[in-house]
Amino acid sequence: MLRTKTSFIAAALLGIAVLLPGYAVAQNYPPSVKQLVAETKKQVKTMDMAAFKAAFDKKAAGLIVDVREPGEYAEGFVPGAINVPRGLIEFTIWEHIGFPDKTDMNKQISLYCRTGGRCALAAKSLQDLGLTNVTAVDMVFENWVKAGHPVAKK
């Protein structure tokens, strides 16, 4: 009976997370998650919002990848950004870097998300796969919007 109740609660929470992806982001995570993200940011190249905006304006940000979930992306994204959710990045980035014929492992890629955590983890994954020019944009997307920077919508 306890197992059934626990399974029901887990399924309900998963359903809420799928229906309201922002809710999961807004949660207060255990220190271990925050520590993992902080350590990961030390292992990858990062840039802040001002540096990203400057690169964006100069069209020097390379391939811009929004690693948020599709529903978040549809609500607004950096113009020109493609959506590759963090959970799929290792499997779907390849078509964007020329695989299989002309794979460019040095292609410049700028990743961003809602608060900078998912993009750091995604950058580390791509780095671990051998991509050499990946940058995590350490910014809060809401601040990008509040600053009046360009936002596109689907």
C-alpha atoms as a PDB file:
ATOM      1  CA  MET A   1       0.000   0.000   0.000  1.00  0.00           C
ATOM      2  CA  LEU A   2       2.841   2.387   0.875  1.00  0.00           C
ATOM      3  CA  ARG A   3       4.555   1.633  -2.437  1.00  0.00           C
ATOM      4  CA  THR A   4       1.350   2.429  -4.367  1.00  0.00           C
ATOM      5  CA  LYS A   5       0.884   5.682  -2.472  1.00  0.00           C
ATOM      6  CA  THR A   6       4.520   6.661  -3.016  1.00  0.00           C
ATOM      7  CA  SER A   7       4.261   5.826  -6.730  1.00  0.00           C
ATOM      8  CA  PHE A   8       1.110   7.927  -7.023  1.00  0.00           C
ATOM      9  CA  ILE A   9       2.769  10.905  -5.324  1.00  0.00           C
ATOM     10  CA  ALA A  10       5.858  10.585  -7.535  1.00  0.00           C
ATOM     11  CA  ALA A  11       3.693  10.400 -10.664  1.00  0.00           C
ATOM     12  CA  ALA A  12       1.687  13.434  -9.557  1.00  0.00           C
ATOM     13  CA  LEU A  13       4.844  15.469  -8.932  1.00  0.00           C
ATOM     14  CA  LEU A  14       6.259  14.430 -12.294  1.00  0.00           C
ATOM     15  CA  GLY A  15       3.003  15.458 -13.948  1.00  0.00           C
ATOM     16  CA  ILE A  16       3.177  18.872 -12.309  1.00  0.00           C
ATOM     17  CA  ALA A  17       6.795  19.308 -13.429  1.00  0.00           C
ATOM     18  CA  VAL A  18       5.861  18.425 -17.022  1.00  0.00           C
ATOM     19  CA  LEU A  19       2.841  20.727 -17.071  1.00  0.00           C
ATOM     20  CA  LEU A  20       4.587  23.565 -15.249  1.00  0.00           C
ATOM     21  CA  PRO A  21       8.289  23.416 -16.159  1.00  0.00           C
ATOM     22  CA  GLY A  22       8.986  26.756 -14.495  1.00  0.00           C
ATOM     23  CA  TYR A  23       7.731  25.388 -11.186  1.00  0.00           C
ATOM     24  CA  ALA A  24      10.531  22.841 -11.021  1.00  0.00           C
ATOM     25  CA  VAL A  25      13.101  25.567 -11.695  1.00  0.00           C
ATOM     26  CA  ALA A  26      11.708  27.768  -8.930  1.00  0.00           C
ATOM     27  CA  GLN A  27      12.151  25.096  -6.280  1.00  0.00           C
ATOM     28  CA  ASN A  28      14.773  25.381  -3.589  1.00  0.00           C
ATOM     29  CA  TYR A  29      17.180  22.534  -4.307  1.00  0.00           C
ATOM     30  CA  PRO A  30      19.438  20.793  -1.814  1.00  0.00           C
ATOM     31  CA  PRO A  31      22.930  22.226  -1.407  1.00  0.00           C
ATOM     32  CA  SER A  32      24.375  19.293  -3.378  1.00  0.00           C
ATOM     33  CA  VAL A  33      22.637  20.484  -6.566  1.00  0.00           C
ATOM     34  CA  LYS A  34      23.825  24.047  -6.095  1.00  0.00           C
ATOM     35  CA  GLN A  35      27.325  22.713  -5.395  1.00  0.00           C
ATOM     36  CA  LEU A  36      27.283  20.570  -8.557  1.00  0.00           C
ATOM     37  CA  VAL A  37      26.318  23.571 -10.687  1.00  0.00           C
ATOM     38  CA  ALA A  38      28.927  25.799  -9.021  1.00  0.00           C
ATOM     39  CA  GLU A  39      31.669  23.192  -9.549  1.00  0.00           C
ATOM     40  CA  THR A  40      30.568  22.658 -13.142  1.00  0.00           C
ATOM     41  CA  LYS A  41      30.762  26.396 -13.846  1.00  0.00           C
ATOM     42  CA  LYS A  42      34.425  26.250 -12.798  1.00  0.00           C
ATOM     43  CA  GLN A  43      35.061  23.544 -15.408  1.00  0.00           C
ATOM     44  CA  VAL A  44      33.478  25.248 -18.407  1.00  0.00           C
ATOM     45  CA  LYS A  45      33.907  28.547 -20.182  1.00  0.00           C
ATOM     46  CA  THR A  46      31.245  31.036 -19.078  1.00  0.00           C
ATOM     47  CA  MET A  47      30.246  34.577 -19.958  1.00  0.00           C
ATOM     48  CA  ASP A  48      27.878  36.956 -18.229  1.00  0.00           C
ATOM     49  CA  MET A  49      24.858  38.650 -19.768  1.00  0.00           C
ATOM     50  CA  ALA A  50      26.778  41.796 -20.768  1.00  0.00           C
ATOM     51  CA  ALA A  51      29.431  39.789 -22.629  1.00  0.00           C
ATOM     52  CA  PHE A  52      26.755  37.671 -24.290  1.00  0.00           C
ATOM     53  CA  LYS A  53      24.805  40.773 -25.366  1.00  0.00           C
ATOM     54  CA  ALA A  54      27.986  42.270 -26.847  1.00  0.00           C
ATOM     55  CA  ALA A  55      28.737  39.035 -28.730  1.00  0.00           C
ATOM     56  CA  PHE A  56      25.085  38.813 -29.839  1.00  0.00           C
ATOM     57  CA  ASP A  57      25.165  42.391 -31.160  1.00  0.00           C
ATOM     58  CA  LYS A  58      28.375  41.678 -33.107  1.00  0.00           C
ATOM     59  CA  LYS A  59      26.886  38.409 -34.379  1.00  0.00           C
ATOM     60  CA  ALA A  60      29.862  36.745 -32.690  1.00  0.00           C
ATOM     61  CA  ALA A  61      28.013  34.384 -30.330  1.00  0.00           C
ATOM     62  CA  GLY A  62      28.182  31.483 -32.781  1.00  0.00           C
ATOM     63  CA  LEU A  63      25.402  28.940 -32.628  1.00  0.00           C
ATOM     64  CA  ILE A  64      23.051  30.097 -29.863  1.00  0.00           C
ATOM     65  CA  VAL A  65      21.346  27.200 -28.091  1.00  0.00           C
ATOM     66  CA  ASP A  66      18.485  27.579 -25.619  1.00  0.00           C
ATOM     67  CA  VAL A  67      18.600  24.444 -23.454  1.00  0.00           C
ATOM     68  CA  ARG A  68      15.268  25.096 -21.719  1.00  0.00           C
ATOM     69  CA  GLU A  69      12.229  22.926 -22.312  1.00  0.00           C
ATOM     70  CA  PRO A  70      10.137  23.592 -25.453  1.00  0.00           C
ATOM     71  CA  GLY A  71       7.336  25.278 -23.483  1.00  0.00           C
ATOM     72  CA  GLU A  72       9.790  27.706 -21.908  1.00  0.00           C
ATOM     73  CA  TYR A  73      11.374  28.399 -25.294  1.00  0.00           C
ATOM     74  CA  ALA A  74       7.987  29.091 -26.897  1.00  0.00           C
ATOM     75  CA  GLU A  75       7.297  31.790 -24.278  1.00  0.00           C
ATOM     76  CA  GLY A  76      10.286  33.781 -25.524  1.00  0.00           C
ATOM     77  CA  PHE A  77      13.887  33.245 -26.597  1.00  0.00           C
ATOM     78  CA  VAL A  78      16.963  35.071 -27.814  1.00  0.00           C
ATOM     79  CA  PRO A  79      16.412  35.727 -31.536  1.00  0.00           C
ATOM     80  CA  GLY A  80      18.224  33.182 -33.670  1.00  0.00           C
ATOM     81  CA  ALA A  81      18.518  30.663 -30.841  1.00  0.00           C
ATOM     82  CA  ILE A  82      17.658  27.060 -31.526  1.00  0.00           C
ATOM     83  CA  ASN A  83      15.963  24.959 -28.879  1.00  0.00           C
ATOM     84  CA  VAL A  84      17.798  21.826 -27.789  1.00  0.00           C
ATOM     85  CA  PRO A  85      16.578  20.805 -24.324  1.00  0.00           C
ATOM     86  CA  ARG A  86      19.319  19.978 -21.848  1.00  0.00           C
ATOM     87  CA  GLY A  87      18.108  16.396 -21.554  1.00  0.00           C
ATOM     88  CA  LEU A  88      18.617  15.808 -25.276  1.00  0.00           C
ATOM     89  CA  ILE A  89      21.711  17.892 -26.004  1.00  0.00           C
ATOM     90  CA  GLU A  90      24.167  14.997 -26.238  1.00  0.00           C
ATOM     91  CA  PHE A  91      21.998  13.300 -28.850  1.00  0.00           C
ATOM     92  CA  THR A  92      20.719  16.201 -30.948  1.00  0.00           C
ATOM     93  CA  ILE A  93      23.540  18.753 -31.147  1.00  0.00           C
ATOM     94  CA  TRP A  94      25.259  16.780 -33.897  1.00  0.00           C
ATOM     95  CA  GLU A  95      23.009  17.891 -36.744  1.00  0.00           C
ATOM     96  CA  HIS A  96      23.865  21.495 -35.839  1.00  0.00           C
ATOM     97  CA  ILE A  97      27.620  20.956 -36.037  1.00  0.00           C
ATOM     98  CA  GLY A  98      27.727  19.153 -39.387  1.00  0.00           C
ATOM     99  CA  PHE A  99      27.659  15.488 -38.388  1.00  0.00           C
ATOM    100  CA  PRO A 100      28.366  13.121 -40.064  1.00  0.00           C
ATOM    101  CA  ASP A 101      30.025  14.643 -43.145  1.00  0.00           C
ATOM    102  CA  LYS A 102      31.665  17.825 -41.862  1.00  0.00           C
ATOM    103  CA  THR A 103      31.573  17.654 -38.071  1.00  0.00           C
ATOM    104  CA  ASP A 104      33.011  20.859 -36.605  1.00  0.00           C
ATOM    105  CA  MET A 105      34.111  20.003 -33.072  1.00  0.00           C
ATOM    106  CA  ASN A 106      35.393  23.590 -32.708  1.00  0.00           C
ATOM    107  CA  LYS A 107      32.114  25.262 -33.717  1.00  0.00           C
ATOM    108  CA  GLN A 108      31.402  28.199 -31.454  1.00  0.00           C
ATOM    109  CA  ILE A 109      28.330  27.427 -29.341  1.00  0.00           C
ATOM    110  CA  SER A 110      26.729  29.693 -26.729  1.00  0.00           C
ATOM    111  CA  LEU A 111      24.268  27.941 -24.407  1.00  0.00           C
ATOM    112  CA  TYR A 112      21.746  29.650 -22.159  1.00  0.00           C
ATOM    113  CA  CYS A 113      18.794  28.674 -19.986  1.00  0.00           C
ATOM    114  CA  ARG A 114      16.561  30.259 -17.368  1.00  0.00           C
ATOM    115  CA  THR A 115      19.117  30.779 -14.586  1.00  0.00           C
ATOM    116  CA  GLY A 116      22.487  29.518 -15.833  1.00  0.00           C
ATOM    117  CA  GLY A 117      22.462  26.079 -14.221  1.00  0.00           C
ATOM    118  CA  ARG A 118      21.182  23.850 -16.995  1.00  0.00           C
ATOM    119  CA  CYS A 119      23.367  25.531 -19.607  1.00  0.00           C
ATOM    120  CA  ALA A 120      26.472  24.988 -17.459  1.00  0.00           C
ATOM    121  CA  LEU A 121      25.656  21.292 -17.098  1.00  0.00           C
ATOM    122  CA  ALA A 122      24.922  21.045 -20.841  1.00  0.00           C
ATOM    123  CA  ALA A 123      28.189  22.823 -21.669  1.00  0.00           C
ATOM    124  CA  LYS A 124      30.083  20.310 -19.537  1.00  0.00           C
ATOM    125  CA  SER A 125      28.389  17.425 -21.348  1.00  0.00           C
ATOM    126  CA  LEU A 126      29.329  18.848 -24.744  1.00  0.00           C
ATOM    127  CA  GLN A 127      32.857  19.502 -23.542  1.00  0.00           C
ATOM    128  CA  ASP A 128      33.077  15.894 -22.326  1.00  0.00           C
ATOM    129  CA  LEU A 129      32.005  14.765 -25.814  1.00  0.00           C
ATOM    130  CA  GLY A 130      34.970  16.621 -27.299  1.00  0.00           C
ATOM    131  CA  LEU A 131      33.470  19.920 -28.418  1.00  0.00           C
ATOM    132  CA  THR A 132      36.085  22.574 -27.787  1.00  0.00           C
ATOM    133  CA  ASN A 133      34.402  25.969 -28.203  1.00  0.00           C
ATOM    134  CA  VAL A 134      31.347  25.836 -25.926  1.00  0.00           C
ATOM    135  CA  THR A 135      30.334  28.672 -23.600  1.00  0.00           C
ATOM    136  CA  ALA A 136      27.637  28.720 -20.915  1.00  0.00           C
ATOM    137  CA  VAL A 137      25.915  32.079 -20.582  1.00  0.00           C
ATOM    138  CA  ASP A 138      25.667  32.701 -16.849  1.00  0.00           C
ATOM    139  CA  MET A 139      22.564  34.886 -16.752  1.00  0.00           C
ATOM    140  CA  VAL A 140      18.952  34.879 -15.658  1.00  0.00           C
ATOM    141  CA  PHE A 141      16.794  34.963 -18.784  1.00  0.00           C
ATOM    142  CA  GLU A 142      14.219  37.131 -16.993  1.00  0.00           C
ATOM    143  CA  ASN A 143      16.940  39.775 -16.560  1.00  0.00           C
ATOM    144  CA  TRP A 144      17.604  39.648 -20.316  1.00  0.00           C
ATOM    145  CA  VAL A 145      13.930  40.405 -20.889  1.00  0.00           C
ATOM    146  CA  LYS A 146      13.777  43.115 -18.192  1.00  0.00           C
ATOM    147  CA  ALA A 147      16.828  44.819 -19.720  1.00  0.00           C
ATOM    148  CA  GLY A 148      14.867  45.258 -22.932  1.00  0.00           C
ATOM    149  CA  HIS A 149      17.148  42.989 -24.946  1.00  0.00           C
ATOM    150  CA  PRO A 150      15.593  41.356 -28.021  1.00  0.00           C
ATOM    151  CA  VAL A 151      13.211  38.442 -27.464  1.00  0.00           C
ATOM    152  CA  ALA A 152      11.514  36.368 -30.142  1.00  0.00           C
ATOM    153  CA  LYS A 153       8.430  34.201 -29.734  1.00  0.00           C
ATOM    154  CA  LYS A 154       7.098  31.235 -31.641  1.00  0.00           C
END
